[in-house]
Amino acid sequence: LERCYPKEVQELYDVMRRFARVVGPTEHDKFIESHALEFELRREIRRLQEYRKAGIKSFCSAKVYERVKRIREDERRKRTMLNDVLQYIQDGRACQQWLSKQAAIDAGVTPAVTTITVS
C-alpha cells in the first residue's frame, strides 16, 4: 500500500511504521492517508498559486500555460545540450561520443556511453 504514495509520504510511512503497533493498524492507516491527502492538497495549492502569480484565472488558460511551460522547458534543455556540444566541439572524438549519446537519449534508449572522454 505504501508504494502508491509519493516519496515524501513513503518516508513518513517508514518512520511511523514502528508506531503502528501502539495505535493499531486502522488508526495508523488513517494517519498515513491523512498525511497523503495533505501532501496532495499542498501540491495542488502550490500549482494554483503558480497560476495566480502568472495571472491565470481560468482552467482553460491553465492548460495553455502548462503547454507553453512544457515547450519552454524543452527548448531550455535543447539550449543546454547545445552548450554541451560547444564545450566538446574542439575534440572530434568527444563530440562524436556526445552526439551518439544524445541520439540514444532522443530514441528513448539508455546510452551505452555514460561519460565523455576528452583527450
PDB file of N, CA and C in Angstrom:
ATOM      1  N   LEU A   1       0.817  -1.198   0.000  1.00  0.00           N
ATOM      2  CA  LEU A   1       0.000   0.000   0.000  1.00  0.00           C
ATOM      3  C   LEU A   1       0.857   1.257   0.000  1.00  0.00           C
ATOM      4  N   GLU A   2       1.958   1.228   0.752  1.00  0.00           N
ATOM      5  CA  GLU A   2       2.769   2.448   0.855  1.00  0.00           C
ATOM      6  C   GLU A   2       3.468   2.790  -0.448  1.00  0.00           C
ATOM      7  N   ARG A   3       3.594   1.860  -1.374  1.00  0.00           N
ATOM      8  CA  ARG A   3       4.293   2.128  -2.635  1.00  0.00           C
ATOM      9  C   ARG A   3       3.498   3.045  -3.553  1.00  0.00           C
ATOM     10  N   CYS A   4       2.200   3.169  -3.348  1.00  0.00           N
ATOM     11  CA  CYS A   4       1.398   4.042  -4.203  1.00  0.00           C
ATOM     12  C   CYS A   4       1.484   5.501  -3.768  1.00  0.00           C
ATOM     13  N   TYR A   5       2.122   5.769  -2.638  1.00  0.00           N
ATOM     14  CA  TYR A   5       2.261   7.135  -2.146  1.00  0.00           C
ATOM     15  C   TYR A   5       3.469   7.825  -2.773  1.00  0.00           C
ATOM     16  N   PRO A   6       3.452   9.164  -2.782  1.00  0.00           N
ATOM     17  CA  PRO A   6       4.646   9.902  -3.209  1.00  0.00           C
ATOM     18  C   PRO A   6       5.815   9.635  -2.262  1.00  0.00           C
ATOM     19  N   LYS A   7       7.003   9.984  -2.701  1.00  0.00           N
ATOM     20  CA  LYS A   7       8.228   9.688  -1.956  1.00  0.00           C
ATOM     21  C   LYS A   7       8.183  10.246  -0.530  1.00  0.00           C
ATOM     22  N   GLU A   8       7.698  11.478  -0.381  1.00  0.00           N
ATOM     23  CA  GLU A   8       7.674  12.107   0.937  1.00  0.00           C
ATOM     24  C   GLU A   8       6.766  11.353   1.897  1.00  0.00           C
ATOM     25  N   VAL A   9       5.626  10.883   1.410  1.00  0.00           N
ATOM     26  CA  VAL A   9       4.698  10.135   2.254  1.00  0.00           C
ATOM     27  C   VAL A   9       5.270   8.759   2.560  1.00  0.00           C
ATOM     28  N   GLN A  10       5.981   8.159   1.599  1.00  0.00           N
ATOM     29  CA  GLN A  10       6.621   6.862   1.858  1.00  0.00           C
ATOM     30  C   GLN A  10       7.644   6.979   2.976  1.00  0.00           C
ATOM     31  N   GLU A  11       8.395   8.087   2.971  1.00  0.00           N
ATOM     32  CA  GLU A  11       9.381   8.288   4.036  1.00  0.00           C
ATOM     33  C   GLU A  11       8.687   8.403   5.388  1.00  0.00           C
ATOM     34  N   LEU A  12       7.580   9.143   5.442  1.00  0.00           N
ATOM     35  CA  LEU A  12       6.812   9.248   6.683  1.00  0.00           C
ATOM     36  C   LEU A  12       6.290   7.880   7.098  1.00  0.00           C
ATOM     37  N   TYR A  13       5.818   7.102   6.128  1.00  0.00           N
ATOM     38  CA  TYR A  13       5.305   5.769   6.410  1.00  0.00           C
ATOM     39  C   TYR A  13       6.390   4.901   7.038  1.00  0.00           C
ATOM     40  N   ASP A  14       7.600   4.978   6.489  1.00  0.00           N
ATOM     41  CA  ASP A  14       8.704   4.188   7.041  1.00  0.00           C
ATOM     42  C   ASP A  14       9.042   4.610   8.465  1.00  0.00           C
ATOM     43  N   VAL A  15       9.041   5.912   8.713  1.00  0.00           N
ATOM     44  CA  VAL A  15       9.363   6.415  10.049  1.00  0.00           C
ATOM     45  C   VAL A  15       8.283   6.032  11.048  1.00  0.00           C
ATOM     46  N   MET A  16       7.027   6.122  10.640  1.00  0.00           N
ATOM     47  CA  MET A  16       5.906   5.879  11.552  1.00  0.00           C
ATOM     48  C   MET A  16       5.516   4.406  11.668  1.00  0.00           C
ATOM     49  N   ARG A  17       6.171   3.538  10.902  1.00  0.00           N
ATOM     50  CA  ARG A  17       5.817   2.110  10.926  1.00  0.00           C
ATOM     51  C   ARG A  17       5.934   1.501  12.328  1.00  0.00           C
ATOM     52  N   ARG A  18       6.938   1.913  13.065  1.00  0.00           N
ATOM     53  CA  ARG A  18       7.132   1.328  14.395  1.00  0.00           C
ATOM     54  C   ARG A  18       6.037   1.731  15.378  1.00  0.00           C
ATOM     55  N   PHE A  19       5.324   2.833  15.083  1.00  0.00           N
ATOM     56  CA  PHE A  19       4.233   3.261  15.955  1.00  0.00           C
ATOM     57  C   PHE A  19       2.919   2.556  15.623  1.00  0.00           C
ATOM     58  N   ALA A  20       2.897   1.807  14.537  1.00  0.00           N
ATOM     59  CA  ALA A  20       1.673   1.115  14.134  1.00  0.00           C
ATOM     60  C   ALA A  20       1.253   0.090  15.177  1.00  0.00           C
ATOM     61  N   ARG A  21       2.223  -0.472  15.873  1.00  0.00           N
ATOM     62  CA  ARG A  21       1.897  -1.454  16.915  1.00  0.00           C
ATOM     63  C   ARG A  21       1.208  -0.800  18.103  1.00  0.00           C
ATOM     64  N   VAL A  22       1.534   0.451  18.349  1.00  0.00           N
ATOM     65  CA  VAL A  22       0.986   1.155  19.512  1.00  0.00           C
ATOM     66  C   VAL A  22      -0.443   1.601  19.253  1.00  0.00           C
ATOM     67  N   VAL A  23      -0.697   2.199  18.092  1.00  0.00           N
ATOM     68  CA  VAL A  23      -2.019   2.771  17.829  1.00  0.00           C
ATOM     69  C   VAL A  23      -2.953   1.816  17.106  1.00  0.00           C
ATOM     70  N   GLY A  24      -2.441   0.763  16.546  1.00  0.00           N
ATOM     71  CA  GLY A  24      -3.270  -0.182  15.822  1.00  0.00           C
ATOM     72  C   GLY A  24      -3.242   0.097  14.324  1.00  0.00           C
ATOM     73  N   PRO A  25      -3.506  -0.921  13.525  1.00  0.00           N
ATOM     74  CA  PRO A  25      -3.366  -0.780  12.067  1.00  0.00           C
ATOM     75  C   PRO A  25      -4.376   0.189  11.440  1.00  0.00           C
ATOM     76  N   THR A  26      -5.605   0.205  11.926  1.00  0.00           N
ATOM     77  CA  THR A  26      -6.614   1.077  11.322  1.00  0.00           C
ATOM     78  C   THR A  26      -6.285   2.544  11.554  1.00  0.00           C
ATOM     79  N   GLU A  27      -5.933   2.880  12.795  1.00  0.00           N
ATOM     80  CA  GLU A  27      -5.592   4.272  13.103  1.00  0.00           C
ATOM     81  C   GLU A  27      -4.324   4.695  12.367  1.00  0.00           C
ATOM     82  N   HIS A  28      -3.379   3.761  12.257  1.00  0.00           N
ATOM     83  CA  HIS A  28      -2.136   4.059  11.550  1.00  0.00           C
ATOM     84  C   HIS A  28      -2.420   4.343  10.073  1.00  0.00           C
ATOM     85  N   ASP A  29      -3.265   3.522   9.447  1.00  0.00           N
ATOM     86  CA  ASP A  29      -3.617   3.738   8.042  1.00  0.00           C
ATOM     87  C   ASP A  29      -4.341   5.070   7.861  1.00  0.00           C
ATOM     88  N   LYS A  30      -5.228   5.419   8.788  1.00  0.00           N
ATOM     89  CA  LYS A  30      -5.920   6.708   8.710  1.00  0.00           C
ATOM     90  C   LYS A  30      -4.925   7.858   8.824  1.00  0.00           C
ATOM     91  N   PHE A  31      -3.951   7.710   9.704  1.00  0.00           N
ATOM     92  CA  PHE A  31      -2.927   8.741   9.892  1.00  0.00           C
ATOM     93  C   PHE A  31      -2.131   8.946   8.605  1.00  0.00           C
ATOM     94  N   ILE A  32      -1.682   7.852   8.004  1.00  0.00           N
ATOM     95  CA  ILE A  32      -0.896   7.937   6.773  1.00  0.00           C
ATOM     96  C   ILE A  32      -1.757   8.494   5.634  1.00  0.00           C
ATOM     97  N   GLU A  33      -2.999   8.044   5.524  1.00  0.00           N
ATOM     98  CA  GLU A  33      -3.894   8.546   4.484  1.00  0.00           C
ATOM     99  C   GLU A  33      -4.116  10.048   4.627  1.00  0.00           C
ATOM    100  N   SER A  34      -4.266  10.512   5.863  1.00  0.00           N
ATOM    101  CA  SER A  34      -4.483  11.950   6.075  1.00  0.00           C
ATOM    102  C   SER A  34      -3.253  12.744   5.654  1.00  0.00           C
ATOM    103  N   HIS A  35      -2.072  12.223   5.918  1.00  0.00           N
ATOM    104  CA  HIS A  35      -0.856  12.925   5.505  1.00  0.00           C
ATOM    105  C   HIS A  35      -0.667  12.861   3.990  1.00  0.00           C
ATOM    106  N   ALA A  36      -1.073  11.763   3.369  1.00  0.00           N
ATOM    107  CA  ALA A  36      -1.005  11.679   1.905  1.00  0.00           C
ATOM    108  C   ALA A  36      -1.958  12.701   1.281  1.00  0.00           C
ATOM    109  N   LEU A  37      -3.141  12.837   1.861  1.00  0.00           N
ATOM    110  CA  LEU A  37      -4.101  13.828   1.374  1.00  0.00           C
ATOM    111  C   LEU A  37      -3.558  15.241   1.574  1.00  0.00           C
ATOM    112  N   GLU A  38      -2.955  15.492   2.736  1.00  0.00           N
ATOM    113  CA  GLU A  38      -2.359  16.803   2.994  1.00  0.00           C
ATOM    114  C   GLU A  38      -1.275  17.123   1.960  1.00  0.00           C
ATOM    115  N   PHE A  39      -0.439  16.144   1.656  1.00  0.00           N
ATOM    116  CA  PHE A  39       0.620  16.341   0.663  1.00  0.00           C
ATOM    117  C   PHE A  39       0.030  16.708  -0.695  1.00  0.00           C
ATOM    118  N   GLU A  40      -1.000  15.984  -1.120  1.00  0.00           N
ATOM    119  CA  GLU A  40      -1.642  16.259  -2.406  1.00  0.00           C
ATOM    120  C   GLU A  40      -2.279  17.643  -2.419  1.00  0.00           C
ATOM    121  N   LEU A  41      -2.921  18.026  -1.321  1.00  0.00           N
ATOM    122  CA  LEU A  41      -3.547  19.340  -1.250  1.00  0.00           C
ATOM    123  C   LEU A  41      -2.513  20.458  -1.305  1.00  0.00           C
ATOM    124  N   ARG A  42      -1.402  20.277  -0.602  1.00  0.00           N
ATOM    125  CA  ARG A  42      -0.349  21.292  -0.632  1.00  0.00           C
ATOM    126  C   ARG A  42       0.232  21.441  -2.049  1.00  0.00           C
ATOM    127  N   ARG A  43       0.406  20.323  -2.737  1.00  0.00           N
ATOM    128  CA  ARG A  43       0.921  20.363  -4.105  1.00  0.00           C
ATOM    129  C   ARG A  43      -0.061  21.085  -5.035  1.00  0.00           C
ATOM    130  N   GLU A  44      -1.343  20.805  -4.864  1.00  0.00           N
ATOM    131  CA  GLU A  44      -2.360  21.462  -5.676  1.00  0.00           C
ATOM    132  C   GLU A  44      -2.421  22.963  -5.366  1.00  0.00           C
ATOM    133  N   ILE A  45      -2.277  23.326  -4.107  1.00  0.00           N
ATOM    134  CA  ILE A  45      -2.265  24.746  -3.725  1.00  0.00           C
ATOM    135  C   ILE A  45      -1.084  25.454  -4.359  1.00  0.00           C
ATOM    136  N   ARG A  46       0.098  24.818  -4.340  1.00  0.00           N
ATOM    137  CA  ARG A  46       1.272  25.424  -4.978  1.00  0.00           C
ATOM    138  C   ARG A  46       1.048  25.627  -6.478  1.00  0.00           C
ATOM    139  N   ARG A  47       0.408  24.656  -7.116  1.00  0.00           N
ATOM    140  CA  ARG A  47       0.129  24.756  -8.550  1.00  0.00           C
ATOM    141  C   ARG A  47      -0.828  25.905  -8.819  1.00  0.00           C
ATOM    142  N   LEU A  48      -1.882  26.019  -8.023  1.00  0.00           N
ATOM    143  CA  LEU A  48      -2.842  27.098  -8.206  1.00  0.00           C
ATOM    144  C   LEU A  48      -2.229  28.460  -7.902  1.00  0.00           C
ATOM    145  N   GLN A  49      -1.344  28.524  -6.908  1.00  0.00           N
ATOM    146  CA  GLN A  49      -0.660  29.777  -6.609  1.00  0.00           C
ATOM    147  C   GLN A  49       0.255  30.181  -7.767  1.00  0.00           C
ATOM    148  N   GLU A  50       0.887  29.200  -8.396  1.00  0.00           N
ATOM    149  CA  GLU A  50       1.721  29.489  -9.569  1.00  0.00           C
ATOM    150  C   GLU A  50       0.866  30.076 -10.687  1.00  0.00           C
ATOM    151  N   TYR A  51      -0.325  29.510 -10.902  1.00  0.00           N
ATOM    152  CA  TYR A  51      -1.225  30.040 -11.917  1.00  0.00           C
ATOM    153  C   TYR A  51      -1.619  31.479 -11.590  1.00  0.00           C
ATOM    154  N   ARG A  52      -1.970  31.731 -10.352  1.00  0.00           N
ATOM    155  CA  ARG A  52      -2.396  33.066  -9.959  1.00  0.00           C
ATOM    156  C   ARG A  52      -1.255  34.069 -10.119  1.00  0.00           C
ATOM    157  N   LYS A  53      -0.058  33.638  -9.760  1.00  0.00           N
ATOM    158  CA  LYS A  53       1.116  34.505  -9.903  1.00  0.00           C
ATOM    159  C   LYS A  53       1.362  34.857 -11.363  1.00  0.00           C
ATOM    160  N   ALA A  54       1.044  33.922 -12.268  1.00  0.00           N
ATOM    161  CA  ALA A  54       1.210  34.150 -13.700  1.00  0.00           C
ATOM    162  C   ALA A  54       0.024  34.914 -14.291  1.00  0.00           C
ATOM    163  N   GLY A  55      -0.978  35.231 -13.467  1.00  0.00           N
ATOM    164  CA  GLY A  55      -2.128  35.991 -13.938  1.00  0.00           C
ATOM    165  C   GLY A  55      -3.213  35.145 -14.569  1.00  0.00           C
ATOM    166  N   ILE A  56      -3.185  33.851 -14.324  1.00  0.00           N
ATOM    167  CA  ILE A  56      -4.164  32.941 -14.923  1.00  0.00           C
ATOM    168  C   ILE A  56      -5.374  32.846 -14.005  1.00  0.00           C
ATOM    169  N   LYS A  57      -6.567  32.972 -14.624  1.00  0.00           N
ATOM    170  CA  LYS A  57      -7.792  32.966 -13.817  1.00  0.00           C
ATOM    171  C   LYS A  57      -8.788  31.891 -14.245  1.00  0.00           C
ATOM    172  N   SER A  58      -8.472  31.132 -15.294  1.00  0.00           N
ATOM    173  CA  SER A  58      -9.382  30.073 -15.729  1.00  0.00           C
ATOM    174  C   SER A  58      -8.581  28.797 -16.010  1.00  0.00           C
ATOM    175  N   PHE A  59      -9.274  27.676 -15.933  1.00  0.00           N
ATOM    176  CA  PHE A  59      -8.606  26.403 -16.165  1.00  0.00           C
ATOM    177  C   PHE A  59      -8.240  26.225 -17.635  1.00  0.00           C
ATOM    178  N   CYS A  60      -8.987  26.850 -18.520  1.00  0.00           N
ATOM    179  CA  CYS A  60      -8.645  26.811 -19.949  1.00  0.00           C
ATOM    180  C   CYS A  60      -7.300  27.497 -20.170  1.00  0.00           C
ATOM    181  N   SER A  61      -7.114  28.640 -19.528  1.00  0.00           N
ATOM    182  CA  SER A  61      -5.835  29.345 -19.624  1.00  0.00           C
ATOM    183  C   SER A  61      -4.721  28.539 -18.963  1.00  0.00           C
ATOM    184  N   ALA A  62      -5.058  27.802 -17.926  1.00  0.00           N
ATOM    185  CA  ALA A  62      -4.058  26.988 -17.229  1.00  0.00           C
ATOM    186  C   ALA A  62      -3.534  25.884 -18.140  1.00  0.00           C
ATOM    187  N   LYS A  63      -4.400  25.306 -18.960  1.00  0.00           N
ATOM    188  CA  LYS A  63      -3.960  24.273 -19.901  1.00  0.00           C
ATOM    189  C   LYS A  63      -2.973  24.849 -20.911  1.00  0.00           C
ATOM    190  N   VAL A  64      -3.287  26.027 -21.418  1.00  0.00           N
ATOM    191  CA  VAL A  64      -2.392  26.685 -22.374  1.00  0.00           C
ATOM    192  C   VAL A  64      -1.074  27.012 -21.687  1.00  0.00           C
ATOM    193  N   TYR A  65      -1.150  27.510 -20.463  1.00  0.00           N
ATOM    194  CA  TYR A  65       0.053  27.848 -19.691  1.00  0.00           C
ATOM    195  C   TYR A  65       0.941  26.623 -19.502  1.00  0.00           C
ATOM    196  N   GLU A  66       0.353  25.493 -19.149  1.00  0.00           N
ATOM    197  CA  GLU A  66       1.127  24.265 -18.943  1.00  0.00           C
ATOM    198  C   GLU A  66       1.781  23.815 -20.248  1.00  0.00           C
ATOM    199  N   ARG A  67       1.063  23.922 -21.361  1.00  0.00           N
ATOM    200  CA  ARG A  67       1.609  23.525 -22.647  1.00  0.00           C
ATOM    201  C   ARG A  67       2.795  24.413 -23.027  1.00  0.00           C
ATOM    202  N   VAL A  68       2.635  25.726 -22.863  1.00  0.00           N
ATOM    203  CA  VAL A  68       3.711  26.655 -23.192  1.00  0.00           C
ATOM    204  C   VAL A  68       4.890  26.458 -22.245  1.00  0.00           C
ATOM    205  N   LYS A  69       4.615  26.199 -20.984  1.00  0.00           N
ATOM    206  CA  LYS A  69       5.672  25.963 -20.000  1.00  0.00           C
ATOM    207  C   LYS A  69       6.490  24.726 -20.379  1.00  0.00           C
ATOM    208  N   ARG A  70       5.810  23.667 -20.798  1.00  0.00           N
ATOM    209  CA  ARG A  70       6.491  22.440 -21.208  1.00  0.00           C
ATOM    210  C   ARG A  70       7.366  22.689 -22.444  1.00  0.00           C
ATOM    211  N   ILE A  71       6.838  23.461 -23.403  1.00  0.00           N
ATOM    212  CA  ILE A  71       7.610  23.780 -24.607  1.00  0.00           C
ATOM    213  C   ILE A  71       8.854  24.575 -24.245  1.00  0.00           C
ATOM    214  N   ARG A  72       8.711  25.543 -23.339  1.00  0.00           N
ATOM    215  CA  ARG A  72       9.859  26.346 -22.915  1.00  0.00           C
ATOM    216  C   ARG A  72      10.911  25.494 -22.209  1.00  0.00           C
ATOM    217  N   GLU A  73      10.469  24.559 -21.380  1.00  0.00           N
ATOM    218  CA  GLU A  73      11.420  23.682 -20.699  1.00  0.00           C
ATOM    219  C   GLU A  73      12.167  22.806 -21.698  1.00  0.00           C
ATOM    220  N   ASP A  74      11.468  22.316 -22.713  1.00  0.00           N
ATOM    221  CA  ASP A  74      12.122  21.515 -23.751  1.00  0.00           C
ATOM    222  C   ASP A  74      13.156  22.341 -24.505  1.00  0.00           C
ATOM    223  N   GLU A  75      12.801  23.564 -24.838  1.00  0.00           N
ATOM    224  CA  GLU A  75      13.746  24.436 -25.531  1.00  0.00           C
ATOM    225  C   GLU A  75      14.946  24.764 -24.648  1.00  0.00           C
ATOM    226  N   ARG A  76      14.713  24.959 -23.370  1.00  0.00           N
ATOM    227  CA  ARG A  76      15.808  25.231 -22.436  1.00  0.00           C
ATOM    228  C   ARG A  76      16.756  24.033 -22.365  1.00  0.00           C
ATOM    229  N   ARG A  77      16.185  22.829 -22.358  1.00  0.00           N
ATOM    230  CA  ARG A  77      17.019  21.623 -22.348  1.00  0.00           C
ATOM    231  C   ARG A  77      17.848  21.522 -23.623  1.00  0.00           C
ATOM    232  N   LYS A  78      17.244  21.875 -24.756  1.00  0.00           N
ATOM    233  CA  LYS A  78      17.978  21.827 -26.023  1.00  0.00           C
ATOM    234  C   LYS A  78      19.119  22.833 -26.035  1.00  0.00           C
ATOM    235  N   ARG A  79      18.880  24.024 -25.479  1.00  0.00           N
ATOM    236  CA  ARG A  79      19.959  25.015 -25.405  1.00  0.00           C
ATOM    237  C   ARG A  79      21.089  24.519 -24.521  1.00  0.00           C
ATOM    238  N   THR A  80      20.741  23.838 -23.431  1.00  0.00           N
ATOM    239  CA  THR A  80      21.755  23.274 -22.549  1.00  0.00           C
ATOM    240  C   THR A  80      22.562  22.225 -23.297  1.00  0.00           C
ATOM    241  N   MET A  81      21.881  21.385 -24.090  1.00  0.00           N
ATOM    242  CA  MET A  81      22.594  20.375 -24.862  1.00  0.00           C
ATOM    243  C   MET A  81      23.508  21.042 -25.882  1.00  0.00           C
ATOM    244  N   LEU A  82      23.058  22.137 -26.494  1.00  0.00           N
ATOM    245  CA  LEU A  82      23.892  22.850 -27.451  1.00  0.00           C
ATOM    246  C   LEU A  82      25.141  23.396 -26.767  1.00  0.00           C
ATOM    247  N   ASN A  83      24.991  23.917 -25.573  1.00  0.00           N
ATOM    248  CA  ASN A  83      26.159  24.395 -24.826  1.00  0.00           C
ATOM    249  C   ASN A  83      27.126  23.252 -24.541  1.00  0.00           C
ATOM    250  N   ASP A  84      26.584  22.063 -24.253  1.00  0.00           N
ATOM    251  CA  ASP A  84      27.446  20.898 -24.042  1.00  0.00           C
ATOM    252  C   ASP A  84      28.216  20.552 -25.309  1.00  0.00           C
ATOM    253  N   VAL A  85      27.539  20.627 -26.456  1.00  0.00           N
ATOM    254  CA  VAL A  85      28.206  20.334 -27.729  1.00  0.00           C
ATOM    255  C   VAL A  85      29.327  21.325 -27.967  1.00  0.00           C
ATOM    256  N   LEU A  86      29.040  22.585 -27.744  1.00  0.00           N
ATOM    257  CA  LEU A  86      30.062  23.607 -27.971  1.00  0.00           C
ATOM    258  C   LEU A  86      31.270  23.398 -27.067  1.00  0.00           C
ATOM    259  N   GLN A  87      31.040  22.860 -25.897  1.00  0.00           N
ATOM    260  CA  GLN A  87      32.141  22.574 -24.975  1.00  0.00           C
ATOM    261  C   GLN A  87      33.035  21.471 -25.538  1.00  0.00           C
ATOM    262  N   TYR A  88      32.443  20.469 -26.199  1.00  0.00           N
ATOM    263  CA  TYR A  88      33.206  19.318 -26.679  1.00  0.00           C
ATOM    264  C   TYR A  88      33.569  19.418 -28.155  1.00  0.00           C
ATOM    265  N   ILE A  89      33.218  20.509 -28.821  1.00  0.00           N
ATOM    266  CA  ILE A  89      33.425  20.619 -30.264  1.00  0.00           C
ATOM    267  C   ILE A  89      34.901  20.615 -30.638  1.00  0.00           C
ATOM    268  N   GLN A  90      35.767  21.029 -29.732  1.00  0.00           N
ATOM    269  CA  GLN A  90      37.197  21.087 -30.028  1.00  0.00           C
ATOM    270  C   GLN A  90      37.783  19.697 -30.263  1.00  0.00           C
ATOM    271  N   ASP A  91      37.248  18.698 -29.567  1.00  0.00           N
ATOM    272  CA  ASP A  91      37.742  17.328 -29.693  1.00  0.00           C
ATOM    273  C   ASP A  91      36.726  16.523 -30.498  1.00  0.00           C
ATOM    274  N   GLY A  92      37.123  16.065 -31.673  1.00  0.00           N
ATOM    275  CA  GLY A  92      36.217  15.348 -32.554  1.00  0.00           C
ATOM    276  C   GLY A  92      35.675  14.067 -31.957  1.00  0.00           C
ATOM    277  N   ARG A  93      36.531  13.342 -31.262  1.00  0.00           N
ATOM    278  CA  ARG A  93      36.107  12.058 -30.663  1.00  0.00           C
ATOM    279  C   ARG A  93      35.089  12.289 -29.555  1.00  0.00           C
ATOM    280  N   ALA A  94      35.356  13.283 -28.700  1.00  0.00           N
ATOM    281  CA  ALA A  94      34.426  13.586 -27.617  1.00  0.00           C
ATOM    282  C   ALA A  94      33.096  14.082 -28.175  1.00  0.00           C
ATOM    283  N   CYS A  95      33.163  14.867 -29.243  1.00  0.00           N
ATOM    284  CA  CYS A  95      31.953  15.374 -29.883  1.00  0.00           C
ATOM    285  C   CYS A  95      31.134  14.213 -30.449  1.00  0.00           C
ATOM    286  N   GLN A  96      31.802  13.251 -31.073  1.00  0.00           N
ATOM    287  CA  GLN A  96      31.113  12.099 -31.644  1.00  0.00           C
ATOM    288  C   GLN A  96      30.445  11.272 -30.548  1.00  0.00           C
ATOM    289  N   GLN A  97      31.131  11.083 -29.412  1.00  0.00           N
ATOM    290  CA  GLN A  97      30.545  10.354 -28.289  1.00  0.00           C
ATOM    291  C   GLN A  97      29.309  11.085 -27.780  1.00  0.00           C
ATOM    292  N   TRP A  98      29.396  12.405 -27.670  1.00  0.00           N
ATOM    293  CA  TRP A  98      28.272  13.188 -27.181  1.00  0.00           C
ATOM    294  C   TRP A  98      27.084  13.066 -28.129  1.00  0.00           C
ATOM    295  N   LEU A  99      27.331  13.164 -29.428  1.00  0.00           N
ATOM    296  CA  LEU A  99      26.255  13.057 -30.407  1.00  0.00           C
ATOM    297  C   LEU A  99      25.583  11.690 -30.369  1.00  0.00           C
ATOM    298  N   SER A 100      26.372  10.625 -30.215  1.00  0.00           N
ATOM    299  CA  SER A 100      25.763   9.289 -30.139  1.00  0.00           C
ATOM    300  C   SER A 100      24.957   9.133 -28.852  1.00  0.00           C
ATOM    301  N   LYS A 101      25.441   9.733 -27.781  1.00  0.00           N
ATOM    302  CA  LYS A 101      24.708   9.696 -26.509  1.00  0.00           C
ATOM    303  C   LYS A 101      23.372  10.419 -26.647  1.00  0.00           C
ATOM    304  N   GLN A 102      23.369  11.602 -27.278  1.00  0.00           N
ATOM    305  CA  GLN A 102      22.137  12.354 -27.457  1.00  0.00           C
ATOM    306  C   GLN A 102      21.178  11.644 -28.393  1.00  0.00           C
ATOM    307  N   ALA A 103      21.701  10.990 -29.414  1.00  0.00           N
ATOM    308  CA  ALA A 103      20.848  10.232 -30.329  1.00  0.00           C
ATOM    309  C   ALA A 103      20.161   9.094 -29.586  1.00  0.00           C
ATOM    310  N   ALA A 104      20.888   8.445 -28.681  1.00  0.00           N
ATOM    311  CA  ALA A 104      20.302   7.362 -27.888  1.00  0.00           C
ATOM    312  C   ALA A 104      19.229   7.907 -26.947  1.00  0.00           C
ATOM    313  N   ILE A 105      19.486   9.070 -26.363  1.00  0.00           N
ATOM    314  CA  ILE A 105      18.501   9.677 -25.463  1.00  0.00           C
ATOM    315  C   ILE A 105      17.246  10.043 -26.247  1.00  0.00           C
ATOM    316  N   ASP A 106      17.418  10.648 -27.421  1.00  0.00           N
ATOM    317  CA  ASP A 106      16.277  11.024 -28.246  1.00  0.00           C
ATOM    318  C   ASP A 106      15.484   9.812 -28.701  1.00  0.00           C
ATOM    319  N   ALA A 107      16.160   8.680 -28.905  1.00  0.00           N
ATOM    320  CA  ALA A 107      15.484   7.455 -29.325  1.00  0.00           C
ATOM    321  C   ALA A 107      14.827   6.739 -28.150  1.00  0.00           C
ATOM    322  N   GLY A 108      15.084   7.217 -26.933  1.00  0.00           N
ATOM    323  CA  GLY A 108      14.492   6.594 -25.753  1.00  0.00           C
ATOM    324  C   GLY A 108      15.268   5.400 -25.253  1.00  0.00           C
ATOM    325  N   VAL A 109      16.500   5.266 -25.685  1.00  0.00           N
ATOM    326  CA  VAL A 109      17.351   4.150 -25.279  1.00  0.00           C
ATOM    327  C   VAL A 109      18.394   4.684 -24.306  1.00  0.00           C
ATOM    328  N   THR A 110      18.728   3.894 -23.307  1.00  0.00           N
ATOM    329  CA  THR A 110      19.783   4.289 -22.397  1.00  0.00           C
ATOM    330  C   THR A 110      21.099   4.252 -23.145  1.00  0.00           C
ATOM    331  N   PRO A 111      21.843   5.368 -23.146  1.00  0.00           N
ATOM    332  CA  PRO A 111      23.091   5.386 -23.917  1.00  0.00           C
ATOM    333  C   PRO A 111      24.125   4.443 -23.337  1.00  0.00           C
ATOM    334  N   ALA A 112      24.894   3.817 -24.232  1.00  0.00           N
ATOM    335  CA  ALA A 112      25.945   2.891 -23.806  1.00  0.00           C
ATOM    336  C   ALA A 112      27.114   3.652 -23.210  1.00  0.00           C
ATOM    337  N   VAL A 113      27.393   4.844 -23.745  1.00  0.00           N
ATOM    338  CA  VAL A 113      28.487   5.646 -23.252  1.00  0.00           C
ATOM    339  C   VAL A 113      27.919   6.635 -22.252  1.00  0.00           C
ATOM    340  N   THR A 114      28.363   6.552 -20.998  1.00  0.00           N
ATOM    341  CA  THR A 114      27.825   7.440 -19.988  1.00  0.00           C
ATOM    342  C   THR A 114      28.738   8.597 -19.699  1.00  0.00           C
ATOM    343  N   THR A 115      30.019   8.450 -19.995  1.00  0.00           N
ATOM    344  CA  THR A 115      30.951   9.541 -19.779  1.00  0.00           C
ATOM    345  C   THR A 115      31.611   9.906 -21.101  1.00  0.00           C
ATOM    346  N   ILE A 116      31.964  11.141 -21.211  1.00  0.00           N
ATOM    347  CA  ILE A 116      32.606  11.611 -22.419  1.00  0.00           C
ATOM    348  C   ILE A 116      34.054  11.881 -22.067  1.00  0.00           C
ATOM    349  N   THR A 117      34.932  11.251 -22.811  1.00  0.00           N
ATOM    350  CA  THR A 117      36.349  11.414 -22.531  1.00  0.00           C
ATOM    351  C   THR A 117      36.907  12.522 -23.406  1.00  0.00           C
ATOM    352  N   VAL A 118      37.646  13.391 -22.804  1.00  0.00           N
ATOM    353  CA  VAL A 118      38.292  14.483 -23.525  1.00  0.00           C
ATOM    354  C   VAL A 118      39.778  14.209 -23.554  1.00  0.00           C
ATOM    355  N   SER A 119      40.346  14.201 -24.772  1.00  0.00           N
ATOM    356  CA  SER A 119      41.764  13.909 -24.868  1.00  0.00           C
ATOM    357  C   SER A 119      42.576  15.159 -24.985  1.00  0.00           C
TER     358      SER A 119
END
